[in-house]
Amino acid sequence: PMTETARANVSTERKPDQPKKPRQGRSPAFPFIALRTALERAETFRVAEGGRPKHFTPLSAAAKAWGIGPKTGAAVQTVAALGHFGLLEFEGSAESRAARLTDIALNILLDKQPTSPERDELIREVALKPRIHNELWQKWQAALPSDATLETYLVRDRGFSESGAQDLIAEYKDTIAFAKLGQPANIPGRSGQV
């Protein structure tokens, strides 16, 4: 005979072909802010740290540069977003966690030319660094379906909450537009472009 625990485990197991159930709590990780804003925050951090910082800086200094409290949700989410885009790298943990701008972030921020194919290419690259961005791009590229279809996919198949899916859709669309990924010459994998 099956024990109660064994029966409970069998009844709650999800079969591999069943979609994930919609989540009511936290959504999977995604950038809290769009790439345009992330680059603005990275620039503010760069200037506050002396222009070309190569040293790791306490996260509290980054939050101070942005004018937000270091332990607030906005600070934590902003740091995470810059990490998702590959603009910050980290060392340490908990209270001793520190960050610095990555080489790709500095290459974007320090390129002040009015027109720069190199900077544009790097922006396209970091736009697709977040795992969920890359997944959505691989699935639909520039031909995004309706918001309702996107939301259904994110909630039903990817485990996002409804509000998380809506936030991601807005952030993703802003990022893709900013990176000019919707323009045919800039679609990765077409016409030799990256």
N, C-alpha and C. Protein backbone atom coordinates (compact mmCIF):
# COMPACT_ATOMS: atom_id res chain seq x y z
N PRO A 1 0.82 -1.19 0.00
CA PRO A 1 0.00 0.00 0.00
C PRO A 1 0.87 1.26 0.00
N MET A 2 0.36 2.33 -0.63
CA MET A 2 1.07 3.61 -0.71
C MET A 2 0.85 4.40 0.56
N THR A 3 1.92 5.06 1.01
CA THR A 3 1.78 5.95 2.16
C THR A 3 1.12 7.24 1.70
N GLU A 4 0.66 8.02 2.67
CA GLU A 4 0.04 9.31 2.32
C GLU A 4 1.02 10.22 1.59
N THR A 5 2.29 10.21 2.06
CA THR A 5 3.31 11.05 1.42
C THR A 5 3.53 10.62 -0.03
N ALA A 6 3.61 9.33 -0.27
CA ALA A 6 3.82 8.83 -1.63
C ALA A 6 2.65 9.20 -2.52
N ARG A 7 1.39 9.08 -1.99
CA ARG A 7 0.22 9.47 -2.76
C ARG A 7 0.25 10.96 -3.10
N ALA A 8 0.65 11.78 -2.13
CA ALA A 8 0.72 13.23 -2.35
C ALA A 8 1.75 13.55 -3.42
N ASN A 9 2.90 12.86 -3.38
CA ASN A 9 3.94 13.11 -4.37
C ASN A 9 3.49 12.72 -5.78
N VAL A 10 2.80 11.61 -5.89
CA VAL A 10 2.32 11.16 -7.19
C VAL A 10 1.29 12.14 -7.74
N SER A 11 0.40 12.61 -6.88
CA SER A 11 -0.66 13.49 -7.36
C SER A 11 -0.16 14.88 -7.73
N THR A 12 0.96 15.32 -7.18
CA THR A 12 1.46 16.66 -7.49
C THR A 12 2.54 16.67 -8.56
N GLU A 13 3.01 15.49 -8.97
CA GLU A 13 4.04 15.46 -10.02
C GLU A 13 3.44 15.94 -11.33
N ARG A 14 4.22 16.72 -12.07
CA ARG A 14 3.79 17.23 -13.35
C ARG A 14 4.35 16.32 -14.43
N LYS A 15 3.50 15.88 -15.32
CA LYS A 15 3.97 15.05 -16.43
C LYS A 15 4.77 15.94 -17.38
N PRO A 16 5.82 15.39 -18.02
CA PRO A 16 6.68 16.21 -18.88
C PRO A 16 5.95 16.95 -20.00
N ASP A 17 4.83 16.41 -20.51
CA ASP A 17 4.14 17.05 -21.61
C ASP A 17 3.12 18.10 -21.17
N GLN A 18 2.95 18.25 -19.87
CA GLN A 18 2.00 19.25 -19.36
C GLN A 18 2.70 20.60 -19.22
N PRO A 19 2.04 21.71 -19.63
CA PRO A 19 2.65 23.03 -19.45
C PRO A 19 2.72 23.37 -17.97
N LYS A 20 3.64 24.27 -17.63
CA LYS A 20 3.75 24.73 -16.25
C LYS A 20 2.49 25.48 -15.87
N LYS A 21 2.09 25.35 -14.63
CA LYS A 21 0.92 26.09 -14.16
C LYS A 21 1.30 27.55 -13.95
N PRO A 22 0.36 28.47 -14.20
CA PRO A 22 0.65 29.89 -13.98
C PRO A 22 1.05 30.14 -12.53
N ARG A 23 2.03 30.97 -12.35
CA ARG A 23 2.50 31.32 -11.01
C ARG A 23 1.72 32.50 -10.49
N GLN A 24 1.51 32.49 -9.23
CA GLN A 24 0.83 33.62 -8.60
C GLN A 24 1.83 34.54 -7.91
N GLY A 25 3.02 34.05 -7.60
CA GLY A 25 4.02 34.84 -6.87
C GLY A 25 5.05 35.45 -7.80
N ARG A 26 6.31 35.08 -7.57
CA ARG A 26 7.41 35.63 -8.33
C ARG A 26 7.50 35.05 -9.73
N SER A 27 7.91 35.87 -10.65
CA SER A 27 8.16 35.44 -12.02
C SER A 27 9.62 35.05 -12.15
N PRO A 28 9.97 34.29 -13.18
CA PRO A 28 11.39 34.04 -13.44
C PRO A 28 12.13 35.37 -13.62
N ALA A 29 13.44 35.32 -13.46
CA ALA A 29 14.24 36.54 -13.54
C ALA A 29 14.19 37.19 -14.92
N PHE A 30 14.06 38.51 -14.92
CA PHE A 30 14.14 39.30 -16.15
C PHE A 30 14.54 40.71 -15.75
N PRO A 31 15.07 41.51 -16.68
CA PRO A 31 15.48 42.87 -16.32
C PRO A 31 14.29 43.73 -15.89
N PHE A 32 14.46 44.41 -14.77
CA PHE A 32 13.44 45.29 -14.20
C PHE A 32 13.29 46.57 -15.02
N ILE A 33 14.37 46.96 -15.70
CA ILE A 33 14.37 48.18 -16.51
C ILE A 33 14.83 47.83 -17.92
N ALA A 34 14.39 48.61 -18.88
CA ALA A 34 14.78 48.39 -20.27
C ALA A 34 16.24 48.81 -20.49
N LEU A 35 16.81 48.36 -21.58
CA LEU A 35 18.23 48.59 -21.87
C LEU A 35 18.59 50.06 -21.90
N ARG A 36 17.77 50.89 -22.49
CA ARG A 36 18.06 52.34 -22.55
C ARG A 36 18.30 52.88 -21.14
N THR A 37 17.42 52.56 -20.21
CA THR A 37 17.54 53.02 -18.82
C THR A 37 18.74 52.36 -18.14
N ALA A 38 18.97 51.09 -18.43
CA ALA A 38 20.12 50.40 -17.85
C ALA A 38 21.42 51.08 -18.26
N LEU A 39 21.52 51.48 -19.52
CA LEU A 39 22.73 52.18 -19.98
C LEU A 39 22.86 53.56 -19.34
N GLU A 40 21.74 54.24 -19.13
CA GLU A 40 21.77 55.53 -18.42
C GLU A 40 22.28 55.34 -16.99
N ARG A 41 21.81 54.29 -16.33
CA ARG A 41 22.27 54.01 -14.96
C ARG A 41 23.75 53.62 -14.96
N ALA A 42 24.17 52.85 -15.95
CA ALA A 42 25.57 52.48 -16.05
C ALA A 42 26.44 53.72 -16.25
N GLU A 43 25.98 54.66 -17.07
CA GLU A 43 26.72 55.91 -17.30
C GLU A 43 26.81 56.74 -16.02
N THR A 44 25.73 56.83 -15.29
CA THR A 44 25.73 57.56 -14.01
C THR A 44 26.74 56.93 -13.06
N PHE A 45 26.76 55.62 -12.99
CA PHE A 45 27.70 54.88 -12.15
C PHE A 45 29.14 55.13 -12.62
N ARG A 46 29.36 55.10 -13.94
CA ARG A 46 30.70 55.31 -14.50
C ARG A 46 31.23 56.68 -14.11
N VAL A 47 30.42 57.71 -14.28
CA VAL A 47 30.83 59.08 -13.97
C VAL A 47 31.11 59.22 -12.47
N ALA A 48 30.23 58.66 -11.66
CA ALA A 48 30.40 58.75 -10.20
C ALA A 48 31.67 58.07 -9.72
N GLU A 49 32.11 57.05 -10.46
CA GLU A 49 33.30 56.29 -10.06
C GLU A 49 34.57 56.75 -10.77
N GLY A 50 34.53 57.90 -11.42
CA GLY A 50 35.76 58.46 -11.95
C GLY A 50 35.98 58.32 -13.44
N GLY A 51 35.01 57.89 -14.18
CA GLY A 51 35.12 57.90 -15.64
C GLY A 51 35.47 56.59 -16.30
N ARG A 52 36.49 55.90 -15.82
CA ARG A 52 36.92 54.62 -16.42
C ARG A 52 37.23 53.63 -15.32
N PRO A 53 36.28 53.38 -14.45
CA PRO A 53 36.59 52.54 -13.28
C PRO A 53 36.86 51.09 -13.65
N LYS A 54 37.93 50.56 -13.09
CA LYS A 54 38.26 49.14 -13.28
C LYS A 54 38.16 48.40 -11.95
N HIS A 55 37.88 49.14 -10.88
CA HIS A 55 37.83 48.54 -9.55
C HIS A 55 36.40 48.13 -9.20
N PHE A 56 36.28 47.17 -8.29
CA PHE A 56 34.97 46.79 -7.78
C PHE A 56 34.55 47.81 -6.73
N THR A 57 33.29 48.19 -6.77
CA THR A 57 32.74 49.22 -5.89
C THR A 57 31.58 48.62 -5.10
N PRO A 58 31.45 48.95 -3.82
CA PRO A 58 30.30 48.44 -3.05
C PRO A 58 28.99 48.83 -3.74
N LEU A 59 28.02 47.94 -3.68
CA LEU A 59 26.74 48.22 -4.32
C LEU A 59 26.06 49.45 -3.73
N SER A 60 26.37 49.76 -2.48
CA SER A 60 25.78 50.95 -1.87
C SER A 60 26.24 52.22 -2.60
N ALA A 61 27.47 52.22 -3.14
CA ALA A 61 27.96 53.38 -3.89
C ALA A 61 27.21 53.53 -5.21
N ALA A 62 26.87 52.41 -5.83
CA ALA A 62 26.09 52.46 -7.06
C ALA A 62 24.71 53.04 -6.77
N ALA A 63 24.07 52.56 -5.72
CA ALA A 63 22.74 53.06 -5.35
C ALA A 63 22.80 54.56 -5.04
N LYS A 64 23.86 54.97 -4.35
CA LYS A 64 24.01 56.39 -4.03
C LYS A 64 24.14 57.22 -5.31
N ALA A 65 24.90 56.72 -6.27
CA ALA A 65 25.05 57.42 -7.55
C ALA A 65 23.69 57.57 -8.24
N TRP A 66 22.82 56.58 -8.09
CA TRP A 66 21.50 56.62 -8.72
C TRP A 66 20.47 57.38 -7.88
N GLY A 67 20.86 57.79 -6.68
CA GLY A 67 19.94 58.53 -5.83
C GLY A 67 18.84 57.69 -5.21
N ILE A 68 19.14 56.41 -4.99
CA ILE A 68 18.16 55.52 -4.35
C ILE A 68 18.81 54.79 -3.19
N GLY A 69 18.01 54.39 -2.23
CA GLY A 69 18.52 53.68 -1.06
C GLY A 69 19.12 52.34 -1.45
N PRO A 70 20.27 51.97 -0.86
CA PRO A 70 20.96 50.75 -1.26
C PRO A 70 20.19 49.46 -0.98
N LYS A 71 19.29 49.49 -0.03
CA LYS A 71 18.58 48.26 0.32
C LYS A 71 17.14 48.26 -0.18
N THR A 72 16.81 49.22 -1.03
CA THR A 72 15.45 49.29 -1.57
C THR A 72 15.29 48.29 -2.72
N GLY A 73 14.05 47.97 -3.01
CA GLY A 73 13.77 47.08 -4.14
C GLY A 73 14.28 47.65 -5.44
N ALA A 74 14.15 48.98 -5.62
CA ALA A 74 14.61 49.61 -6.86
C ALA A 74 16.12 49.44 -7.05
N ALA A 75 16.89 49.57 -5.97
CA ALA A 75 18.34 49.40 -6.08
C ALA A 75 18.69 47.96 -6.42
N VAL A 76 18.09 47.02 -5.72
CA VAL A 76 18.37 45.60 -5.96
C VAL A 76 17.99 45.22 -7.38
N GLN A 77 16.83 45.68 -7.83
CA GLN A 77 16.36 45.34 -9.17
C GLN A 77 17.19 46.02 -10.26
N THR A 78 17.66 47.24 -10.00
CA THR A 78 18.49 47.94 -10.98
C THR A 78 19.83 47.23 -11.14
N VAL A 79 20.45 46.86 -10.02
CA VAL A 79 21.72 46.12 -10.06
C VAL A 79 21.52 44.82 -10.81
N ALA A 80 20.43 44.11 -10.51
CA ALA A 80 20.16 42.84 -11.19
C ALA A 80 19.97 43.05 -12.69
N ALA A 81 19.25 44.10 -13.08
CA ALA A 81 19.02 44.38 -14.50
C ALA A 81 20.34 44.63 -15.22
N LEU A 82 21.22 45.42 -14.62
CA LEU A 82 22.52 45.68 -15.24
C LEU A 82 23.32 44.39 -15.36
N GLY A 83 23.15 43.51 -14.39
CA GLY A 83 23.78 42.19 -14.47
C GLY A 83 23.20 41.35 -15.60
N HIS A 84 21.86 41.34 -15.74
CA HIS A 84 21.21 40.59 -16.82
C HIS A 84 21.73 41.02 -18.19
N PHE A 85 21.92 42.31 -18.36
CA PHE A 85 22.39 42.83 -19.65
C PHE A 85 23.91 42.67 -19.83
N GLY A 86 24.60 42.20 -18.82
CA GLY A 86 26.04 42.04 -18.92
C GLY A 86 26.80 43.34 -18.81
N LEU A 87 26.18 44.35 -18.17
CA LEU A 87 26.82 45.65 -17.99
C LEU A 87 27.61 45.73 -16.69
N LEU A 88 27.26 44.88 -15.72
CA LEU A 88 27.98 44.82 -14.45
C LEU A 88 28.47 43.40 -14.21
N GLU A 89 29.62 43.30 -13.57
CA GLU A 89 30.09 42.01 -13.07
C GLU A 89 30.29 42.17 -11.57
N PHE A 90 30.26 41.05 -10.84
CA PHE A 90 30.19 41.11 -9.39
C PHE A 90 31.28 40.27 -8.73
N GLU A 91 31.56 40.63 -7.48
CA GLU A 91 32.41 39.81 -6.62
C GLU A 91 31.86 39.93 -5.20
N GLY A 92 32.15 38.93 -4.40
CA GLY A 92 31.66 38.94 -3.03
C GLY A 92 30.21 38.52 -2.95
N SER A 93 29.68 38.56 -1.72
CA SER A 93 28.29 38.20 -1.52
C SER A 93 27.73 38.97 -0.33
N ALA A 94 26.43 38.97 -0.25
CA ALA A 94 25.69 39.62 0.84
C ALA A 94 26.16 41.06 1.03
N GLU A 95 26.54 41.42 2.25
CA GLU A 95 26.92 42.80 2.56
C GLU A 95 28.22 43.24 1.88
N SER A 96 29.07 42.26 1.52
CA SER A 96 30.36 42.63 0.90
C SER A 96 30.30 42.55 -0.63
N ARG A 97 29.12 42.39 -1.20
CA ARG A 97 29.00 42.29 -2.65
C ARG A 97 29.38 43.63 -3.29
N ALA A 98 30.16 43.53 -4.36
CA ALA A 98 30.63 44.72 -5.07
C ALA A 98 30.47 44.48 -6.56
N ALA A 99 30.48 45.57 -7.33
CA ALA A 99 30.29 45.48 -8.78
C ALA A 99 31.22 46.43 -9.50
N ARG A 100 31.45 46.13 -10.76
CA ARG A 100 32.15 47.06 -11.64
C ARG A 100 31.56 46.90 -13.03
N LEU A 101 31.74 47.94 -13.83
CA LEU A 101 31.26 47.89 -15.21
C LEU A 101 32.11 46.90 -16.01
N THR A 102 31.45 46.17 -16.89
CA THR A 102 32.16 45.23 -17.74
C THR A 102 32.84 45.97 -18.89
N ASP A 103 33.72 45.28 -19.57
CA ASP A 103 34.39 45.87 -20.73
C ASP A 103 33.37 46.26 -21.79
N ILE A 104 32.38 45.43 -22.01
CA ILE A 104 31.38 45.74 -23.04
C ILE A 104 30.60 47.01 -22.65
N ALA A 105 30.30 47.16 -21.37
CA ALA A 105 29.61 48.37 -20.91
C ALA A 105 30.47 49.60 -21.17
N LEU A 106 31.74 49.53 -20.81
CA LEU A 106 32.64 50.67 -21.02
C LEU A 106 32.80 50.97 -22.51
N ASN A 107 32.88 49.94 -23.34
CA ASN A 107 33.01 50.17 -24.78
C ASN A 107 31.79 50.88 -25.35
N ILE A 108 30.62 50.56 -24.84
CA ILE A 108 29.40 51.25 -25.29
C ILE A 108 29.40 52.69 -24.78
N LEU A 109 29.65 52.86 -23.48
CA LEU A 109 29.52 54.17 -22.85
C LEU A 109 30.59 55.16 -23.30
N LEU A 110 31.79 54.67 -23.60
CA LEU A 110 32.87 55.57 -23.97
C LEU A 110 32.91 55.89 -25.46
N ASP A 111 32.07 55.24 -26.25
CA ASP A 111 31.99 55.51 -27.68
C ASP A 111 31.04 56.68 -27.88
N LYS A 112 31.58 57.87 -28.06
CA LYS A 112 30.79 59.10 -28.16
C LYS A 112 30.57 59.55 -29.61
N GLN A 113 30.94 58.70 -30.58
CA GLN A 113 30.74 59.07 -31.98
C GLN A 113 29.24 59.19 -32.28
N PRO A 114 28.85 60.17 -33.10
CA PRO A 114 27.43 60.31 -33.44
C PRO A 114 26.87 59.05 -34.11
N THR A 115 27.65 58.46 -35.00
CA THR A 115 27.27 57.22 -35.67
C THR A 115 28.38 56.21 -35.42
N SER A 116 28.01 55.06 -34.84
CA SER A 116 29.01 54.06 -34.53
C SER A 116 28.46 52.65 -34.72
N PRO A 117 28.78 52.02 -35.87
CA PRO A 117 28.33 50.65 -36.08
C PRO A 117 28.83 49.70 -34.98
N GLU A 118 30.04 49.95 -34.47
CA GLU A 118 30.58 49.10 -33.42
C GLU A 118 29.74 49.20 -32.15
N ARG A 119 29.39 50.43 -31.76
CA ARG A 119 28.55 50.62 -30.56
C ARG A 119 27.17 50.00 -30.79
N ASP A 120 26.60 50.20 -31.97
CA ASP A 120 25.29 49.64 -32.28
C ASP A 120 25.30 48.12 -32.18
N GLU A 121 26.37 47.51 -32.66
CA GLU A 121 26.49 46.05 -32.59
C GLU A 121 26.56 45.58 -31.14
N LEU A 122 27.32 46.29 -30.31
CA LEU A 122 27.42 45.93 -28.89
C LEU A 122 26.07 46.10 -28.18
N ILE A 123 25.33 47.13 -28.54
CA ILE A 123 24.00 47.34 -27.96
C ILE A 123 23.08 46.20 -28.34
N ARG A 124 23.13 45.76 -29.59
CA ARG A 124 22.30 44.62 -30.00
C ARG A 124 22.70 43.37 -29.22
N GLU A 125 23.99 43.20 -29.00
CA GLU A 125 24.48 42.04 -28.26
C GLU A 125 23.96 42.03 -26.83
N VAL A 126 24.07 43.15 -26.12
CA VAL A 126 23.62 43.17 -24.72
C VAL A 126 22.10 43.12 -24.61
N ALA A 127 21.38 43.58 -25.64
CA ALA A 127 19.92 43.51 -25.62
C ALA A 127 19.43 42.07 -25.54
N LEU A 128 20.20 41.15 -26.10
CA LEU A 128 19.80 39.74 -26.12
C LEU A 128 20.51 38.90 -25.07
N LYS A 129 21.28 39.53 -24.18
CA LYS A 129 21.97 38.78 -23.12
C LYS A 129 21.01 38.18 -22.08
N PRO A 130 19.98 38.88 -21.66
CA PRO A 130 19.08 38.24 -20.69
C PRO A 130 18.48 36.96 -21.29
N ARG A 131 18.51 35.90 -20.53
CA ARG A 131 18.06 34.59 -21.03
C ARG A 131 16.67 34.66 -21.66
N ILE A 132 15.73 35.33 -21.00
CA ILE A 132 14.37 35.39 -21.52
C ILE A 132 14.31 36.22 -22.80
N HIS A 133 15.13 37.25 -22.92
CA HIS A 133 15.18 38.03 -24.17
C HIS A 133 15.65 37.14 -25.32
N ASN A 134 16.71 36.39 -25.07
CA ASN A 134 17.25 35.52 -26.10
C ASN A 134 16.21 34.49 -26.51
N GLU A 135 15.49 33.93 -25.53
CA GLU A 135 14.46 32.94 -25.82
C GLU A 135 13.34 33.54 -26.69
N LEU A 136 12.85 34.72 -26.31
CA LEU A 136 11.79 35.37 -27.09
C LEU A 136 12.27 35.71 -28.49
N TRP A 137 13.53 36.16 -28.60
CA TRP A 137 14.08 36.51 -29.91
C TRP A 137 14.18 35.25 -30.78
N GLN A 138 14.67 34.15 -30.22
CA GLN A 138 14.79 32.90 -30.99
C GLN A 138 13.42 32.40 -31.44
N LYS A 139 12.41 32.61 -30.62
CA LYS A 139 11.07 32.13 -30.94
C LYS A 139 10.37 32.99 -31.98
N TRP A 140 10.48 34.33 -31.88
CA TRP A 140 9.70 35.22 -32.74
C TRP A 140 10.52 36.24 -33.53
N GLN A 141 11.75 36.45 -33.19
CA GLN A 141 12.58 37.50 -33.77
C GLN A 141 11.80 38.82 -33.77
N ALA A 142 11.80 39.54 -34.89
CA ALA A 142 11.15 40.85 -34.93
C ALA A 142 9.64 40.76 -35.12
N ALA A 143 9.14 39.58 -35.47
CA ALA A 143 7.71 39.40 -35.76
C ALA A 143 6.97 38.97 -34.49
N LEU A 144 6.94 39.84 -33.50
CA LEU A 144 6.29 39.50 -32.23
C LEU A 144 4.78 39.33 -32.43
N PRO A 145 4.20 38.35 -31.74
CA PRO A 145 2.75 38.20 -31.79
C PRO A 145 2.09 39.28 -30.92
N SER A 146 0.79 39.22 -30.78
CA SER A 146 0.07 40.18 -29.95
C SER A 146 0.52 40.07 -28.49
N ASP A 147 0.27 41.13 -27.74
CA ASP A 147 0.59 41.09 -26.31
C ASP A 147 -0.15 39.96 -25.61
N ALA A 148 -1.39 39.69 -26.03
CA ALA A 148 -2.17 38.62 -25.41
C ALA A 148 -1.50 37.26 -25.65
N THR A 149 -0.99 37.04 -26.85
CA THR A 149 -0.31 35.78 -27.15
C THR A 149 1.00 35.68 -26.35
N LEU A 150 1.75 36.78 -26.30
CA LEU A 150 2.99 36.80 -25.51
C LEU A 150 2.70 36.52 -24.04
N GLU A 151 1.69 37.20 -23.51
CA GLU A 151 1.36 37.01 -22.09
C GLU A 151 0.93 35.58 -21.82
N THR A 152 0.13 35.01 -22.71
CA THR A 152 -0.30 33.62 -22.53
C THR A 152 0.91 32.69 -22.51
N TYR A 153 1.83 32.89 -23.44
CA TYR A 153 3.05 32.06 -23.49
C TYR A 153 3.85 32.21 -22.19
N LEU A 154 4.06 33.44 -21.76
CA LEU A 154 4.89 33.67 -20.57
C LEU A 154 4.24 33.11 -19.30
N VAL A 155 2.94 33.27 -19.17
CA VAL A 155 2.25 32.80 -17.96
C VAL A 155 2.09 31.29 -18.00
N ARG A 156 1.57 30.77 -19.09
CA ARG A 156 1.25 29.34 -19.16
C ARG A 156 2.49 28.47 -19.31
N ASP A 157 3.40 28.87 -20.22
CA ASP A 157 4.53 28.00 -20.55
C ASP A 157 5.82 28.33 -19.82
N ARG A 158 5.96 29.57 -19.34
CA ARG A 158 7.22 29.97 -18.71
C ARG A 158 7.10 30.28 -17.23
N GLY A 159 5.90 30.20 -16.67
CA GLY A 159 5.73 30.35 -15.23
C GLY A 159 5.77 31.77 -14.71
N PHE A 160 5.48 32.77 -15.56
CA PHE A 160 5.43 34.15 -15.10
C PHE A 160 4.08 34.42 -14.44
N SER A 161 4.09 35.36 -13.51
CA SER A 161 2.82 35.87 -13.00
C SER A 161 2.26 36.77 -14.10
N GLU A 162 0.98 37.08 -14.03
CA GLU A 162 0.38 37.96 -15.06
C GLU A 162 1.04 39.32 -15.07
N SER A 163 1.24 39.91 -13.89
CA SER A 163 1.86 41.24 -13.84
C SER A 163 3.33 41.16 -14.29
N GLY A 164 4.03 40.09 -13.93
CA GLY A 164 5.41 39.92 -14.38
C GLY A 164 5.51 39.80 -15.89
N ALA A 165 4.56 39.06 -16.48
CA ALA A 165 4.54 38.92 -17.94
C ALA A 165 4.30 40.27 -18.61
N GLN A 166 3.37 41.04 -18.08
CA GLN A 166 3.07 42.37 -18.65
C GLN A 166 4.28 43.29 -18.53
N ASP A 167 4.95 43.26 -17.38
CA ASP A 167 6.15 44.09 -17.19
C ASP A 167 7.25 43.68 -18.17
N LEU A 168 7.46 42.36 -18.33
CA LEU A 168 8.49 41.89 -19.25
C LEU A 168 8.17 42.29 -20.68
N ILE A 169 6.93 42.16 -21.10
CA ILE A 169 6.56 42.50 -22.47
C ILE A 169 6.90 43.97 -22.76
N ALA A 170 6.54 44.87 -21.85
CA ALA A 170 6.83 46.29 -22.04
C ALA A 170 8.34 46.53 -22.09
N GLU A 171 9.07 45.93 -21.15
CA GLU A 171 10.52 46.11 -21.08
C GLU A 171 11.20 45.54 -22.32
N TYR A 172 10.78 44.35 -22.74
CA TYR A 172 11.38 43.69 -23.91
C TYR A 172 11.15 44.50 -25.18
N LYS A 173 9.93 44.97 -25.38
CA LYS A 173 9.63 45.76 -26.58
C LYS A 173 10.46 47.05 -26.60
N ASP A 174 10.58 47.70 -25.46
CA ASP A 174 11.39 48.92 -25.37
C ASP A 174 12.85 48.62 -25.70
N THR A 175 13.37 47.53 -25.14
CA THR A 175 14.77 47.16 -25.37
C THR A 175 15.03 46.82 -26.82
N ILE A 176 14.14 46.04 -27.43
CA ILE A 176 14.31 45.64 -28.83
C ILE A 176 14.25 46.87 -29.74
N ALA A 177 13.34 47.79 -29.45
CA ALA A 177 13.24 49.02 -30.26
C ALA A 177 14.50 49.87 -30.09
N PHE A 178 14.97 50.03 -28.86
CA PHE A 178 16.17 50.82 -28.60
C PHE A 178 17.39 50.22 -29.31
N ALA A 179 17.50 48.90 -29.29
CA ALA A 179 18.63 48.22 -29.92
C ALA A 179 18.47 48.12 -31.44
N LYS A 180 17.33 48.59 -31.94
CA LYS A 180 17.02 48.58 -33.37
C LYS A 180 17.06 47.18 -33.95
N LEU A 181 16.63 46.21 -33.14
CA LEU A 181 16.63 44.83 -33.60
C LEU A 181 15.46 44.54 -34.53
N GLY A 182 14.46 45.39 -34.55
CA GLY A 182 13.33 45.17 -35.43
C GLY A 182 13.58 45.61 -36.86
N GLN A 183 14.71 46.23 -37.12
CA GLN A 183 15.02 46.70 -38.47
C GLN A 183 15.72 45.58 -39.23
N PRO A 184 15.27 45.27 -40.44
CA PRO A 184 15.79 44.11 -41.18
C PRO A 184 17.31 44.02 -41.26
N ALA A 185 18.01 45.12 -41.43
CA ALA A 185 19.47 45.06 -41.53
C ALA A 185 20.12 44.70 -40.20
N ASN A 186 19.38 44.84 -39.10
CA ASN A 186 19.95 44.59 -37.79
C ASN A 186 19.47 43.30 -37.14
N ILE A 187 18.80 42.45 -37.90
CA ILE A 187 18.31 41.21 -37.32
C ILE A 187 19.46 40.20 -37.33
N PRO A 188 19.86 39.70 -36.15
CA PRO A 188 20.95 38.73 -36.11
C PRO A 188 20.67 37.53 -37.00
N GLY A 189 21.67 37.13 -37.74
CA GLY A 189 21.54 35.96 -38.58
C GLY A 189 21.07 36.25 -40.00
N ARG A 190 20.76 37.50 -40.31
CA ARG A 190 20.33 37.86 -41.68
C ARG A 190 21.34 38.81 -42.29
N SER A 191 21.61 38.63 -43.55
CA SER A 191 22.49 39.51 -44.32
C SER A 191 23.86 39.69 -43.68
N GLY A 192 24.32 38.66 -42.94
CA GLY A 192 25.63 38.74 -42.34
C GLY A 192 25.73 39.67 -41.15
N GLN A 193 24.62 40.26 -40.73
CA GLN A 193 24.65 41.18 -39.59
C GLN A 193 24.62 40.39 -38.29
N VAL A 194 25.08 41.01 -37.22
CA VAL A 194 25.04 40.39 -35.89
C VAL A 194 24.00 41.06 -35.05
